[in-house]
Amino acid sequence: MKRQMVMVGFLQAQNCTNLPSSWRHPQSRDDAHSADYYQEIARILEAGKFHMAFFDDRLAMPDRYGSDHAHTVEYGIRATKMDPLIVLMTMAAVTQKLGLASTCSTTYYEPFDVARRFATIDLMTNGRAAWNVVTSVNDGEAHNMVAKSICSTTCATTRPTSSWE
């Protein structure tokens, strides 16, 4: 049997790219918060025969420098992360075959909510949705979700919550 390569576009619904100096390129764009931006990416991925567009997600701004957001806010680095599920729907509107995937943390979202969101995307796109199942691992996310630390959310749980049963 012949092997086939699967191509996935790794994306971030935010104001930066994976190449830090890309803003210097003469054709760089400043509309990373617009539907047009992501729809153009979707068209390019589909025309390039990519199988899927995949968004990572994080529920907090980076706080790498001493658990402090000051550097992130001052320089605007990854400070505005949009909801990837909404962005995926804008991409779905201009494509026919491109798979649409996103991360969604099971630490802070209830199973029914996650299932409903991804099932809706799957139905609205004729079966093109995928879910990257993760658990959250940093205190910044815990603080945003009204927990003192990630451990206060996950370490104290000795059995599944009723919604997972």
Foldseek 3Di string as FASTA:
>chain_A
DDDDDAAEAEDFQFQDDPDHVVVPDPPDDRPSNDLVVLLVVLVVCVVVVHQEYEYEDDQFADCPPVNDCPVCVVVVPRHDGDDQLVSQVSNLVNDQRYAYEYEDAPLQDFPVVVVVSQVVVCVVRVRRYDYDYDHDDFQRNCVVSPHRISCSRPVVDPDDDPSVD
